[in-house]
Amino acid sequence: MSKPDKIISLNLSLMRLTFLILLLLTFISSFSQKGKRQTESYHVFNSNWEPCPIENAVYLSYERKINDSTYLVFNYHFSGPLLSIETYKDESYTILNGLIAYYDNEGLIDSSGYTKNGKRDKTWYYYDDTLGFVYQKDYQDGKLIKETDLIAKRKEDSLNKKIPDGFEKDEKEAEFKGGAGSWIKYLQKNIQFPKRAESLNKSGQVRICFYVNTDGSIGGIYVLKSIEFSLDKEAWRLIEESPRWEPAIQGDKKVKAYRIQPITFAY
């Protein structure tokens, strides 16, 4: 290789290293803004899921402590969409306990459900590429007790809902205080385009599922459509920090209601 070629090669290597350092710095800054979320951490891995320097990273893992018995782990392609969300009950991440979700190569949710003390529990859903439920499996203490073909069931019951919310047409659904217009204003006012996504030239629409509790608080947040770590995290933050909603009402009772919110990030 001639001297000019060596210089060009060296410059390209330095450019790649500088770019990765920039990503690392913007990544770290997302955990230290205003001293918030000190219980968050991340790790990077090579193609064999072995810890590695950031310049060799293929995957990243984002870990978040919710409380002393709930630890969330988000596994990502380093510059791409989600692979999985896992919930553990111990800080050593050995006992699955809570929401689990798996995603395809395009970042669309493939299946989700719950575990209890390391075993599958309650209902697990399987999705198609429109994010509709196509299959359901019910577990109890790790044992499969029922399977349901939801496509066939919808035809049989003349249902056409993606997420069961328990509403009749004449019932009041959950609503953000001030209505849809106020909700849009809240999102527009508070959304921030992450520097990491900008460095990666990433944009697009993240879809978040959540429920409105009977007291109007938000819970059960998870990603239905992933783009990239920092975009997903920002979309999650917008939902998580939302002011209280007006809860849904069925009959004379307040009830929990599920919602899907698309959040678009564009330059």
Protein backbone atom coordinates (compact mmCIF):
# COMPACT_ATOMS: atom_id res chain seq x y z
CA MET A 1 0.00 0.00 0.00
CA SER A 2 1.40 3.42 -0.94
CA LYS A 3 1.88 6.17 1.63
CA PRO A 4 -1.16 8.20 0.43
CA ASP A 5 -3.29 5.02 0.62
CA LYS A 6 -2.09 4.43 4.18
CA ILE A 7 -2.96 8.01 5.11
CA ILE A 8 -6.45 7.65 3.61
CA SER A 9 -6.97 4.34 5.42
CA LEU A 10 -5.81 5.90 8.70
CA ASN A 11 -8.11 8.88 8.21
CA LEU A 12 -11.08 6.59 7.58
CA SER A 13 -10.30 4.61 10.72
CA LEU A 14 -10.05 7.81 12.74
CA MET A 15 -13.36 9.01 11.28
CA ARG A 16 -15.06 5.75 12.31
CA LEU A 17 -13.54 5.91 15.79
CA THR A 18 -14.59 9.57 16.16
CA PHE A 19 -18.12 8.70 15.05
CA LEU A 20 -18.35 5.86 17.57
CA ILE A 21 -17.00 8.07 20.35
CA LEU A 22 -19.63 10.66 19.46
CA LEU A 23 -22.31 7.96 19.70
CA LEU A 24 -20.92 6.86 23.06
CA LEU A 25 -20.93 10.40 24.44
CA THR A 26 -24.46 11.14 23.26
CA PHE A 27 -25.52 7.74 24.59
CA ILE A 28 -24.07 8.48 28.02
CA SER A 29 -25.53 12.00 28.07
CA SER A 30 -29.03 10.55 27.79
CA PHE A 31 -28.56 9.01 31.25
CA SER A 32 -27.20 12.09 33.00
CA GLN A 33 -29.50 14.91 31.97
CA LYS A 34 -30.42 16.99 35.01
CA GLY A 35 -29.24 14.16 37.27
CA LYS A 36 -32.21 11.95 36.41
CA ARG A 37 -32.41 8.19 36.06
CA GLN A 38 -29.20 7.27 37.84
CA THR A 39 -30.44 3.67 37.97
CA GLU A 40 -29.95 3.20 34.23
CA SER A 41 -26.95 1.56 32.56
CA TYR A 42 -25.91 0.04 29.27
CA HIS A 43 -23.49 -2.52 27.83
CA VAL A 44 -22.29 -3.28 24.31
CA PHE A 45 -21.57 -6.70 22.80
CA ASN A 46 -20.02 -8.22 19.69
CA SER A 47 -21.80 -10.60 17.31
CA ASN A 48 -21.39 -13.46 19.84
CA TRP A 49 -22.97 -11.40 22.64
CA GLU A 50 -19.62 -11.03 24.35
CA PRO A 51 -18.67 -7.70 26.01
CA CYS A 52 -16.50 -5.67 23.66
CA PRO A 53 -15.13 -2.18 22.91
CA ILE A 54 -17.71 0.15 21.42
CA GLU A 55 -15.96 0.18 18.03
CA ASN A 56 -16.76 -3.54 17.71
CA ALA A 57 -20.32 -3.30 19.02
CA VAL A 58 -23.07 -5.21 17.22
CA TYR A 59 -25.61 -5.21 20.04
CA LEU A 60 -26.37 -3.03 23.02
CA SER A 61 -28.26 -3.72 26.20
CA TYR A 62 -30.04 -0.98 28.12
CA GLU A 63 -30.89 -1.80 31.74
CA ARG A 64 -33.27 0.14 33.95
CA LYS A 65 -34.12 -0.43 37.60
CA ILE A 66 -37.78 0.32 38.31
CA ASN A 67 -37.71 -0.74 41.97
CA ASP A 68 -35.99 -3.33 44.17
CA SER A 69 -37.92 -6.18 42.56
CA THR A 70 -38.33 -4.97 38.95
CA TYR A 71 -35.48 -4.61 36.46
CA LEU A 72 -36.07 -3.98 32.76
CA VAL A 73 -33.58 -5.02 30.07
CA PHE A 74 -33.89 -3.77 26.48
CA ASN A 75 -31.73 -5.63 23.95
CA TYR A 76 -31.02 -3.81 20.67
CA HIS A 77 -29.12 -3.99 17.45
CA PHE A 78 -26.43 -1.39 18.12
CA SER A 79 -27.79 1.09 15.56
CA GLY A 80 -31.14 -0.52 14.85
CA PRO A 81 -34.37 -1.77 16.36
CA LEU A 82 -35.25 -3.78 19.43
CA LEU A 83 -34.60 -7.49 19.76
CA SER A 84 -36.36 -8.04 23.08
CA ILE A 85 -37.63 -6.55 26.32
CA GLU A 86 -37.14 -8.63 29.45
CA THR A 87 -38.26 -8.06 33.04
CA TYR A 88 -36.38 -9.55 35.98
CA LYS A 89 -37.05 -9.60 39.72
CA ASP A 90 -33.38 -9.60 40.75
CA GLU A 91 -30.52 -7.22 40.02
CA SER A 92 -28.34 -10.08 38.74
CA TYR A 93 -30.89 -10.63 35.93
CA THR A 94 -31.42 -14.35 36.48
CA ILE A 95 -35.16 -14.64 37.32
CA LEU A 96 -37.61 -13.49 34.66
CA ASN A 97 -40.65 -11.93 36.29
CA GLY A 98 -42.97 -9.62 34.34
CA LEU A 99 -43.36 -8.42 30.77
CA ILE A 100 -41.42 -10.17 28.00
CA ALA A 101 -41.56 -9.05 24.36
CA TYR A 102 -39.77 -10.25 21.22
CA TYR A 103 -39.32 -8.34 17.94
CA ASP A 104 -38.61 -9.20 14.32
CA ASN A 105 -35.77 -7.76 12.21
CA GLU A 106 -37.89 -4.75 11.26
CA GLY A 107 -38.54 -3.83 14.88
CA LEU A 108 -42.17 -5.02 14.89
CA ILE A 109 -43.35 -6.85 17.97
CA ASP A 110 -43.64 -10.58 17.30
CA SER A 111 -44.91 -11.88 20.65
CA SER A 112 -45.37 -10.70 24.21
CA GLY A 113 -46.53 -12.00 27.54
CA TYR A 114 -45.68 -12.37 31.20
CA THR A 115 -43.51 -14.55 33.36
CA LYS A 116 -43.70 -15.29 37.06
CA ASN A 117 -40.64 -16.56 38.92
CA GLY A 118 -39.01 -17.63 35.66
CA LYS A 119 -42.06 -19.39 34.21
CA ARG A 120 -44.55 -18.26 31.59
CA ASP A 121 -47.75 -17.05 33.18
CA LYS A 122 -51.10 -15.55 32.15
CA THR A 123 -51.69 -14.61 28.50
CA TRP A 124 -49.14 -14.50 25.69
CA TYR A 125 -50.06 -12.80 22.41
CA TYR A 126 -48.64 -13.35 18.93
CA TYR A 127 -48.85 -10.59 16.32
CA ASP A 128 -48.98 -10.20 12.54
CA ASP A 129 -47.19 -7.45 10.59
CA THR A 130 -50.12 -5.07 11.11
CA LEU A 131 -49.68 -5.42 14.90
CA GLY A 132 -52.93 -7.33 15.15
CA PHE A 133 -53.30 -10.28 17.51
CA VAL A 134 -53.37 -13.58 15.61
CA TYR A 135 -52.80 -16.17 18.32
CA GLN A 136 -53.09 -16.45 22.08
CA LYS A 137 -51.62 -18.86 24.61
CA ASP A 138 -52.64 -18.94 28.25
CA TYR A 139 -50.26 -20.25 30.90
CA GLN A 140 -50.44 -21.01 34.57
CA ASP A 141 -47.23 -21.53 36.51
CA GLY A 142 -45.37 -22.44 33.32
CA LYS A 143 -47.99 -24.85 32.00
CA LEU A 144 -49.89 -24.18 28.78
CA ILE A 145 -53.58 -24.43 29.62
CA LYS A 146 -55.26 -22.98 26.53
CA GLU A 147 -54.54 -21.95 22.92
CA THR A 148 -56.76 -19.68 20.85
CA ASP A 149 -56.66 -18.88 17.13
CA LEU A 150 -57.73 -15.24 17.33
CA ILE A 151 -58.31 -14.86 13.60
CA ALA A 152 -60.84 -17.66 13.69
CA LYS A 153 -62.33 -16.29 16.90
CA ARG A 154 -62.83 -12.84 15.39
CA LYS A 155 -64.60 -14.32 12.43
CA GLU A 156 -66.76 -16.39 14.72
CA ASP A 157 -67.58 -13.51 17.05
CA SER A 158 -67.66 -10.83 14.33
CA LEU A 159 -64.97 -8.90 16.17
CA ASN A 160 -62.50 -6.58 14.49
CA LYS A 161 -60.30 -5.20 17.27
CA LYS A 162 -56.52 -5.20 17.51
CA ILE A 163 -56.40 -4.81 21.28
CA PRO A 164 -59.36 -5.85 23.44
CA ASP A 165 -60.41 -2.88 25.54
CA GLY A 166 -63.72 -4.04 26.96
CA PHE A 167 -65.76 -1.14 25.61
CA GLU A 168 -69.22 -1.05 24.19
CA LYS A 169 -69.90 1.67 21.66
CA ASP A 170 -71.95 3.73 24.09
CA GLU A 171 -69.27 3.80 26.79
CA LYS A 172 -66.78 6.61 27.50
CA GLU A 173 -63.21 5.88 26.50
CA ALA A 174 -60.12 7.23 28.24
CA GLU A 175 -59.20 10.74 27.13
CA PHE A 176 -56.37 13.16 27.76
CA LYS A 177 -57.55 16.20 29.72
CA GLY A 178 -58.56 18.81 27.13
CA GLY A 179 -59.15 16.21 24.44
CA ALA A 180 -57.17 14.99 21.44
CA GLY A 181 -55.99 18.50 20.54
CA SER A 182 -54.40 18.99 23.96
CA TRP A 183 -52.72 15.57 23.73
CA ILE A 184 -51.17 16.49 20.38
CA LYS A 185 -49.97 19.81 21.81
CA TYR A 186 -48.39 17.97 24.75
CA LEU A 187 -46.49 15.65 22.40
CA GLN A 188 -45.39 18.45 20.06
CA LYS A 189 -44.25 20.68 22.92
CA ASN A 190 -42.24 18.01 24.73
CA ILE A 191 -40.75 15.83 21.99
CA GLN A 192 -36.99 16.04 21.48
CA PHE A 193 -34.98 14.58 18.61
CA PRO A 194 -32.12 12.57 20.22
CA LYS A 195 -28.56 13.41 19.18
CA ARG A 196 -27.71 9.72 18.88
CA ALA A 197 -30.47 9.15 16.32
CA GLU A 198 -29.34 12.24 14.43
CA SER A 199 -25.76 10.91 14.37
CA LEU A 200 -27.04 7.61 13.01
CA ASN A 201 -29.33 9.36 10.51
CA LYS A 202 -32.30 7.52 11.98
CA SER A 203 -35.91 8.69 11.86
CA GLY A 204 -39.37 7.20 11.54
CA GLN A 205 -42.39 6.25 13.59
CA VAL A 206 -42.23 4.51 16.96
CA ARG A 207 -45.44 2.96 18.27
CA ILE A 208 -46.03 2.69 21.98
CA CYS A 209 -48.75 0.71 23.74
CA PHE A 210 -49.90 1.74 27.22
CA TYR A 211 -52.95 1.69 29.43
CA VAL A 212 -54.78 4.39 31.37
CA ASN A 213 -55.51 3.30 34.93
CA THR A 214 -58.76 4.01 36.74
CA ASP A 215 -57.06 6.95 38.49
CA GLY A 216 -55.91 8.40 35.15
CA SER A 217 -52.26 7.43 35.58
CA ILE A 218 -50.27 5.73 32.81
CA GLY A 219 -48.98 2.15 33.07
CA GLY A 220 -48.08 -0.96 31.12
CA ILE A 221 -45.86 0.86 28.61
CA TYR A 222 -44.13 -1.18 25.93
CA VAL A 223 -42.91 -0.77 22.37
CA LEU A 224 -44.95 -2.15 19.49
CA LYS A 225 -42.78 -0.74 16.68
CA SER A 226 -39.12 0.05 17.29
CA ILE A 227 -36.73 2.20 15.24
CA GLU A 228 -33.59 2.66 17.33
CA PHE A 229 -32.68 2.90 21.01
CA SER A 230 -32.70 6.67 21.53
CA LEU A 231 -35.88 7.21 19.50
CA ASP A 232 -37.69 4.43 21.35
CA LYS A 233 -36.48 5.81 24.67
CA GLU A 234 -37.73 9.31 23.84
CA ALA A 235 -41.13 7.98 22.76
CA TRP A 236 -41.32 5.94 25.98
CA ARG A 237 -40.43 9.05 28.02
CA LEU A 238 -43.20 11.12 26.42
CA ILE A 239 -45.80 8.55 27.41
CA GLU A 240 -44.34 7.85 30.83
CA GLU A 241 -44.20 11.56 31.79
CA SER A 242 -47.68 12.32 30.49
CA PRO A 243 -50.03 14.17 32.85
CA ARG A 244 -52.98 12.16 34.11
CA TRP A 245 -55.81 11.29 31.74
CA GLU A 246 -59.53 11.10 32.27
CA PRO A 247 -60.15 7.37 32.86
CA ALA A 248 -62.51 5.25 30.80
CA ILE A 249 -65.98 4.54 32.14
CA GLN A 250 -68.04 1.43 31.53
CA GLY A 251 -71.50 1.53 33.00
CA ASP A 252 -71.01 3.36 36.27
CA LYS A 253 -67.45 2.15 36.85
CA LYS A 254 -64.03 3.46 35.91
CA VAL A 255 -62.05 0.83 33.97
CA LYS A 256 -58.54 0.33 32.66
CA ALA A 257 -58.18 1.17 28.93
CA TYR A 258 -55.44 0.31 26.44
CA ARG A 259 -54.11 2.76 23.87
CA ILE A 260 -51.61 2.73 20.99
CA GLN A 261 -49.72 5.95 20.30
CA PRO A 262 -47.64 6.46 17.14
CA ILE A 263 -44.85 9.03 17.60
CA THR A 264 -43.10 10.23 14.46
CA PHE A 265 -39.53 11.53 14.48
CA ALA A 266 -38.57 13.53 11.39
CA TYR A 267 -35.79 15.98 10.54
